[in-house]
Amino acid sequence: MLSTQTQIAGFSFDNCLMNAAGVACMTIEELEEVKNSAAGTFVTKTATLQARAGNPEPRYQDVPLGSINSMGLPNHGLDYYLEYLLDLQKTESNRTFFLSLVGLSLEETHILLKKVQDSNFKGLTELNLSCPNVPGKPQIAYDFEATEKILSEVFAYFTKPLGIKLPPYFDMAHFDQAAAIFNKFPLSFVNCVNSIGNGLYIDDETVVIRPKNGFGGIGGEYIKPTALANVHAFYQRLNPTIQIIGTGGVLTGRDAFEHILCGASMVQVGTTLHKEGVGAFERITEELKAIMLEKGYESIEDFRGKLNYLD
């Protein structure tokens, strides 16, 4: 029986596809739409402690091979998403969902995670260490000392399933150094990758988004080779208990297949979901199943991580 079912941290999901944080997840209405689609689950908009309006518009633009954005973390605040998820646990007790969050300071990160720890939330929490679009704030995951410090402090009290969303790394030494840190902690998953930070797209003689004079995170087809490289590099280096969510450049079933081939247990869809709507999940799933059928694979575990190399 052909299946795209998967597991993360012992939780089962009927489909390995889901939304990427930031797309179709700002409001409860959007999350409901993803929940009721062919997606296996959803992740909420990355929540801060208080609601945020985000950066001035225009702050997102579809471009020929993807997208550019400098959103600035617009969201309704942690309580909005956490309360919705707690309500959902009563009506959808057989399903598991992801809560994404980020602190604007180390102190705020701990306040957020302690609220989740003290709540009855039974799903998976994703700590975003890769927000490239908040002015004046560097990406924590590029500072290995800061990354180790925050994870050490978090795991001193946080006992629920926790993963981290990562920016793309571009150097083999950085894969080695990052994995060595992650392997010290009981992480449930890493999510590779967030958008490539601070790209620039020009239309005629003008930038296409307002914040930061046009600099923004690049998503879509542009980033797939980088995303696949990060998924596979961490698949090669991380403890087997730390699973990988692949994100970046998923337009088709073939793209999802390649993420899984590189080692991803789950695949997130961002730019394509923004452009196409939740119908993309059904289309990509059917395309993925067609590839699996052609190759004789019955489950994603039949080929996950089994990328071939040249002799």
Protein backbone atom coordinates (compact mmCIF):
# COMPACT_ATOMS: atom_id res chain seq x y z
CA MET A 1 0.00 0.00 0.00
CA LEU A 2 1.60 3.25 -1.19
CA SER A 3 1.87 5.77 1.65
CA THR A 4 3.46 9.16 2.29
CA GLN A 5 2.98 8.73 6.04
CA THR A 6 5.86 9.78 8.28
CA GLN A 7 6.90 10.21 11.90
CA ILE A 8 8.63 12.98 13.83
CA ALA A 9 9.58 12.47 17.48
CA GLY A 10 7.32 9.43 17.68
CA PHE A 11 4.28 11.30 16.38
CA SER A 12 2.65 9.93 13.21
CA PHE A 13 1.46 12.07 10.31
CA ASP A 14 -0.69 10.84 7.43
CA ASN A 15 1.31 12.89 4.93
CA CYS A 16 4.90 14.14 4.96
CA LEU A 17 3.92 17.54 3.51
CA MET A 18 3.07 20.62 5.57
CA ASN A 19 3.26 24.40 5.33
CA ALA A 20 6.40 26.37 6.09
CA ALA A 21 6.11 28.82 8.99
CA GLY A 22 5.22 32.20 7.55
CA VAL A 23 2.86 30.94 4.86
CA ALA A 24 -0.88 30.26 5.31
CA CYS A 25 -0.51 30.33 9.08
CA MET A 26 -1.00 33.89 10.36
CA THR A 27 -4.63 33.47 11.38
CA ILE A 28 -6.73 30.64 12.76
CA GLU A 29 -8.72 30.73 9.51
CA GLU A 30 -5.56 30.09 7.48
CA LEU A 31 -4.41 27.33 9.82
CA GLU A 32 -7.83 25.68 9.58
CA GLU A 33 -7.51 25.72 5.79
CA VAL A 34 -4.16 23.93 5.95
CA LYS A 35 -5.49 21.52 8.59
CA ASN A 36 -8.39 20.55 6.34
CA SER A 37 -6.21 20.16 3.24
CA ALA A 38 -4.10 17.19 2.10
CA ALA A 39 -1.23 18.39 4.33
CA GLY A 40 -0.20 16.04 7.12
CA THR A 41 -0.12 18.83 9.70
CA PHE A 42 0.63 22.54 10.04
CA VAL A 43 3.05 24.85 11.80
CA THR A 44 1.87 28.17 13.20
CA LYS A 45 3.26 31.56 12.26
CA THR A 46 6.43 32.12 14.24
CA ALA A 47 5.13 33.75 17.41
CA THR A 48 6.75 36.40 19.54
CA LEU A 49 5.64 37.22 23.09
CA GLN A 50 3.50 40.16 21.99
CA ALA A 51 1.64 40.64 18.71
CA ARG A 52 3.67 42.40 16.01
CA ALA A 53 2.59 44.33 12.92
CA GLY A 54 5.87 43.53 11.15
CA ASN A 55 7.77 45.60 8.61
CA PRO A 56 6.17 48.22 6.34
CA GLU A 57 4.63 46.99 3.09
CA PRO A 58 5.33 46.00 0.40
CA ARG A 59 7.36 43.39 2.23
CA TYR A 60 6.72 40.25 0.14
CA GLN A 61 7.02 39.86 -3.62
CA ASP A 62 6.65 36.84 -5.88
CA VAL A 63 9.47 36.85 -8.45
CA PRO A 64 10.07 34.55 -11.45
CA LEU A 65 11.94 31.76 -9.66
CA GLY A 66 10.56 32.23 -6.16
CA SER A 67 10.02 35.07 -3.74
CA ILE A 68 11.69 37.78 -1.71
CA ASN A 69 10.42 38.95 1.65
CA SER A 70 11.29 41.05 4.66
CA MET A 71 8.23 40.42 6.79
CA GLY A 72 9.62 41.44 10.18
CA LEU A 73 7.78 38.72 12.11
CA PRO A 74 4.17 39.89 11.89
CA ASN A 75 2.11 37.62 14.18
CA HIS A 76 -0.69 37.62 16.72
CA GLY A 77 1.49 36.72 19.70
CA LEU A 78 2.12 33.40 21.43
CA ASP A 79 -1.14 33.29 23.39
CA TYR A 80 -3.24 33.47 20.20
CA TYR A 81 -1.61 30.39 18.66
CA LEU A 82 -1.17 28.44 21.90
CA GLU A 83 -4.82 28.85 22.90
CA TYR A 84 -5.94 27.70 19.44
CA LEU A 85 -3.69 24.63 19.64
CA LEU A 86 -4.94 23.76 23.12
CA ASP A 87 -8.54 23.95 21.86
CA LEU A 88 -7.58 21.84 18.84
CA GLN A 89 -6.18 19.10 21.09
CA LYS A 90 -9.72 18.56 22.40
CA THR A 91 -11.33 18.16 18.96
CA GLU A 92 -8.40 16.71 16.97
CA SER A 93 -6.84 14.50 19.64
CA ASN A 94 -5.57 12.06 17.00
CA ARG A 95 -3.46 14.72 15.23
CA THR A 96 -0.27 16.54 16.17
CA PHE A 97 0.65 20.11 15.21
CA PHE A 98 3.70 22.37 15.36
CA LEU A 99 4.04 25.62 17.31
CA SER A 100 6.74 27.98 16.02
CA LEU A 101 8.18 30.71 18.22
CA VAL A 102 11.08 33.13 18.51
CA GLY A 103 12.21 35.52 21.20
CA LEU A 104 13.36 39.03 20.32
CA SER A 105 15.87 38.60 23.15
CA LEU A 106 17.31 35.69 25.10
CA GLU A 107 15.09 36.61 28.03
CA GLU A 108 11.98 36.61 25.84
CA THR A 109 12.90 33.23 24.36
CA HIS A 110 12.89 31.71 27.84
CA ILE A 111 9.58 33.37 28.75
CA LEU A 112 8.01 31.91 25.59
CA LEU A 113 9.36 28.40 26.10
CA LYS A 114 8.46 28.35 29.80
CA LYS A 115 4.87 29.28 28.89
CA VAL A 116 4.78 26.33 26.50
CA GLN A 117 6.44 24.03 29.05
CA ASP A 118 3.90 25.01 31.71
CA SER A 119 0.94 24.61 29.33
CA ASN A 120 -0.89 21.46 28.32
CA PHE A 121 0.45 21.67 24.75
CA LYS A 122 1.22 18.14 23.56
CA GLY A 123 2.57 18.88 20.09
CA LEU A 124 5.97 19.82 18.71
CA THR A 125 7.63 23.17 19.36
CA GLU A 126 9.96 24.80 16.84
CA LEU A 127 12.39 27.43 18.07
CA ASN A 128 13.30 29.68 15.17
CA LEU A 129 17.03 30.46 15.31
CA SER A 130 17.04 31.90 11.78
CA CYS A 131 15.03 35.08 11.44
CA PRO A 132 17.04 37.17 8.94
CA ASN A 133 14.54 40.02 8.59
CA VAL A 134 14.41 41.76 11.97
CA PRO A 135 16.48 44.97 11.71
CA GLY A 136 19.42 45.06 14.12
CA LYS A 137 19.01 41.39 15.12
CA PRO A 138 21.53 38.83 13.79
CA GLN A 139 20.60 35.23 13.15
CA ILE A 140 21.43 33.28 16.31
CA ALA A 141 22.27 30.09 14.41
CA TYR A 142 25.23 31.79 12.71
CA ASP A 143 26.73 32.46 16.16
CA PHE A 144 27.71 29.00 17.39
CA GLU A 145 28.62 30.19 20.87
CA ALA A 146 25.22 31.87 21.28
CA THR A 147 23.47 28.79 19.84
CA GLU A 148 25.11 26.46 22.34
CA LYS A 149 24.36 28.85 25.20
CA ILE A 150 20.67 29.15 24.37
CA LEU A 151 20.20 25.40 23.87
CA SER A 152 22.01 24.65 27.15
CA GLU A 153 19.73 27.01 29.03
CA VAL A 154 16.56 25.84 27.27
CA PHE A 155 17.11 22.13 27.87
CA ALA A 156 17.70 22.79 31.57
CA TYR A 157 13.90 23.15 31.92
CA PHE A 158 12.20 22.30 28.60
CA THR A 159 11.18 18.64 28.47
CA LYS A 160 8.68 18.61 25.58
CA PRO A 161 9.61 17.75 21.97
CA LEU A 162 11.65 20.65 20.60
CA GLY A 163 13.25 21.35 17.24
CA ILE A 164 15.05 24.32 15.73
CA LYS A 165 14.64 26.13 12.44
CA LEU A 166 17.97 26.90 10.81
CA PRO A 167 19.30 29.33 8.26
CA PRO A 168 21.28 27.87 5.37
CA TYR A 169 24.93 27.11 6.00
CA PHE A 170 27.39 27.30 3.12
CA ASP A 171 30.65 25.88 4.43
CA MET A 172 31.52 22.27 5.31
CA ALA A 173 33.26 23.46 8.48
CA HIS A 174 30.04 25.14 9.55
CA PHE A 175 28.06 21.93 9.02
CA ASP A 176 30.61 20.13 11.20
CA GLN A 177 30.58 22.78 13.93
CA ALA A 178 26.80 23.18 14.00
CA ALA A 179 26.14 19.43 14.07
CA ALA A 180 28.64 18.95 16.90
CA ILE A 181 26.62 21.42 18.98
CA PHE A 182 23.20 20.03 18.05
CA ASN A 183 24.31 16.49 18.88
CA LYS A 184 24.87 17.55 22.51
CA PHE A 185 21.15 18.11 23.03
CA PRO A 186 17.94 16.04 22.90
CA LEU A 187 16.57 17.89 19.88
CA SER A 188 13.63 16.24 18.14
CA PHE A 189 14.37 17.79 14.75
CA VAL A 190 16.15 20.47 12.77
CA ASN A 191 14.38 22.34 9.98
CA CYS A 192 16.58 23.09 6.94
CA VAL A 193 16.30 25.82 5.72
CA ASN A 194 14.85 29.23 6.24
CA SER A 195 15.14 31.68 3.36
CA ILE A 196 18.58 32.78 2.20
CA GLY A 197 18.94 36.08 4.00
CA ASN A 198 19.48 39.48 2.46
CA GLY A 199 19.06 38.87 -1.23
CA LEU A 200 18.16 41.68 -3.60
CA TYR A 201 15.71 41.57 -6.50
CA ILE A 202 15.49 44.46 -8.97
CA ASP A 203 12.64 45.31 -11.33
CA ASP A 204 13.82 47.75 -14.00
CA GLU A 205 15.83 50.14 -11.78
CA THR A 206 14.00 49.67 -8.50
CA VAL A 207 13.88 47.20 -5.62
CA VAL A 208 10.57 45.39 -5.12
CA ILE A 209 10.11 45.48 -1.31
CA ARG A 210 10.26 48.46 1.05
CA PRO A 211 12.11 47.29 4.22
CA LYS A 212 15.90 47.49 4.39
CA ASN A 213 16.06 49.22 0.98
CA GLY A 214 14.93 46.06 -0.76
CA PHE A 215 17.06 43.43 1.00
CA GLY A 216 15.08 40.31 1.93
CA GLY A 217 14.99 36.56 2.34
CA ILE A 218 15.02 34.57 -0.90
CA GLY A 219 12.73 31.54 -1.27
CA GLY A 220 11.45 29.23 -3.99
CA GLU A 221 13.38 27.59 -6.82
CA TYR A 222 16.41 29.77 -6.17
CA ILE A 223 17.18 28.01 -2.91
CA LYS A 224 16.48 24.33 -3.60
CA PRO A 225 20.12 23.24 -4.19
CA THR A 226 21.15 25.03 -0.98
CA ALA A 227 18.26 23.50 0.95
CA LEU A 228 19.03 19.98 -0.31
CA ALA A 229 22.69 20.41 0.61
CA ASN A 230 21.77 21.44 4.16
CA VAL A 231 19.31 18.58 4.58
CA HIS A 232 21.85 16.01 3.43
CA ALA A 233 24.81 17.52 5.28
CA PHE A 234 22.91 17.32 8.56
CA TYR A 235 21.51 13.89 7.73
CA GLN A 236 25.13 12.72 7.44
CA ARG A 237 26.21 14.38 10.70
CA LEU A 238 23.36 14.38 13.23
CA ASN A 239 22.46 11.69 15.73
CA PRO A 240 19.75 9.46 14.20
CA THR A 241 17.38 10.62 16.95
CA ILE A 242 17.42 14.15 15.50
CA GLN A 243 15.16 14.10 12.46
CA ILE A 244 15.16 16.58 9.60
CA ILE A 245 12.41 18.69 8.09
CA GLY A 246 13.31 19.78 4.56
CA THR A 247 12.22 23.24 3.43
CA GLY A 248 13.11 25.18 0.32
CA GLY A 249 12.21 25.08 -3.35
CA VAL A 250 9.39 22.53 -3.19
CA LEU A 251 7.26 23.16 -6.29
CA THR A 252 6.63 19.59 -7.38
CA GLY A 253 6.53 16.02 -6.17
CA ARG A 254 10.02 15.58 -7.59
CA ASP A 255 11.29 18.37 -5.30
CA ALA A 256 9.69 16.70 -2.27
CA PHE A 257 11.17 13.35 -3.38
CA GLU A 258 14.66 14.89 -3.50
CA HIS A 259 14.32 16.37 0.00
CA ILE A 260 13.37 12.93 1.35
CA LEU A 261 16.15 11.29 -0.67
CA CYS A 262 18.57 13.67 1.06
CA GLY A 263 17.28 12.60 4.47
CA ALA A 264 14.17 14.65 5.29
CA SER A 265 11.41 12.94 7.28
CA MET A 266 8.98 15.79 6.56
CA VAL A 267 8.83 18.43 3.81
CA GLN A 268 7.53 21.97 4.12
CA VAL A 269 6.05 24.05 1.31
CA GLY A 270 6.37 27.84 1.40
CA THR A 271 6.58 29.97 -1.75
CA THR A 272 4.54 27.50 -3.81
CA LEU A 273 1.84 27.44 -1.15
CA HIS A 274 1.73 31.24 -1.20
CA LYS A 275 1.39 31.28 -4.99
CA GLU A 276 -0.96 28.33 -5.45
CA GLY A 277 -2.94 27.92 -2.23
CA VAL A 278 -3.61 24.75 -0.23
CA GLY A 279 -4.46 22.78 -3.38
CA ALA A 280 -0.68 22.53 -3.83
CA PHE A 281 -0.54 19.86 -1.11
CA GLU A 282 -2.77 17.44 -3.01
CA ARG A 283 -0.99 18.05 -6.31
CA ILE A 284 2.52 17.62 -4.87
CA THR A 285 1.43 14.52 -2.93
CA GLU A 286 0.04 12.86 -6.06
CA GLU A 287 3.21 13.73 -7.99
CA LEU A 288 5.34 12.27 -5.19
CA LYS A 289 3.24 9.08 -5.12
CA ALA A 290 3.60 8.72 -8.89
CA ILE A 291 7.40 8.80 -8.55
CA MET A 292 7.28 6.28 -5.70
CA LEU A 293 5.02 3.98 -7.73
CA GLU A 294 7.34 4.19 -10.74
CA LYS A 295 10.36 3.30 -8.60
CA GLY A 296 8.64 0.61 -6.55
CA TYR A 297 8.73 2.42 -3.21
CA GLU A 298 5.82 1.80 -0.85
CA SER A 299 6.82 4.25 1.89
CA ILE A 300 9.12 7.23 2.21
CA GLU A 301 11.36 5.18 4.50
CA ASP A 302 12.18 2.98 1.50
CA PHE A 303 14.28 5.78 0.02
CA ARG A 304 14.80 8.39 2.75
CA GLY A 305 18.48 9.36 2.99
CA LYS A 306 19.49 6.90 0.24
CA LEU A 307 21.06 9.44 -2.05
CA ASN A 308 23.52 7.84 -4.49
CA TYR A 309 27.06 9.15 -5.03
CA LEU A 310 29.33 8.80 -8.01
CA ASP A 311 32.24 6.37 -7.58
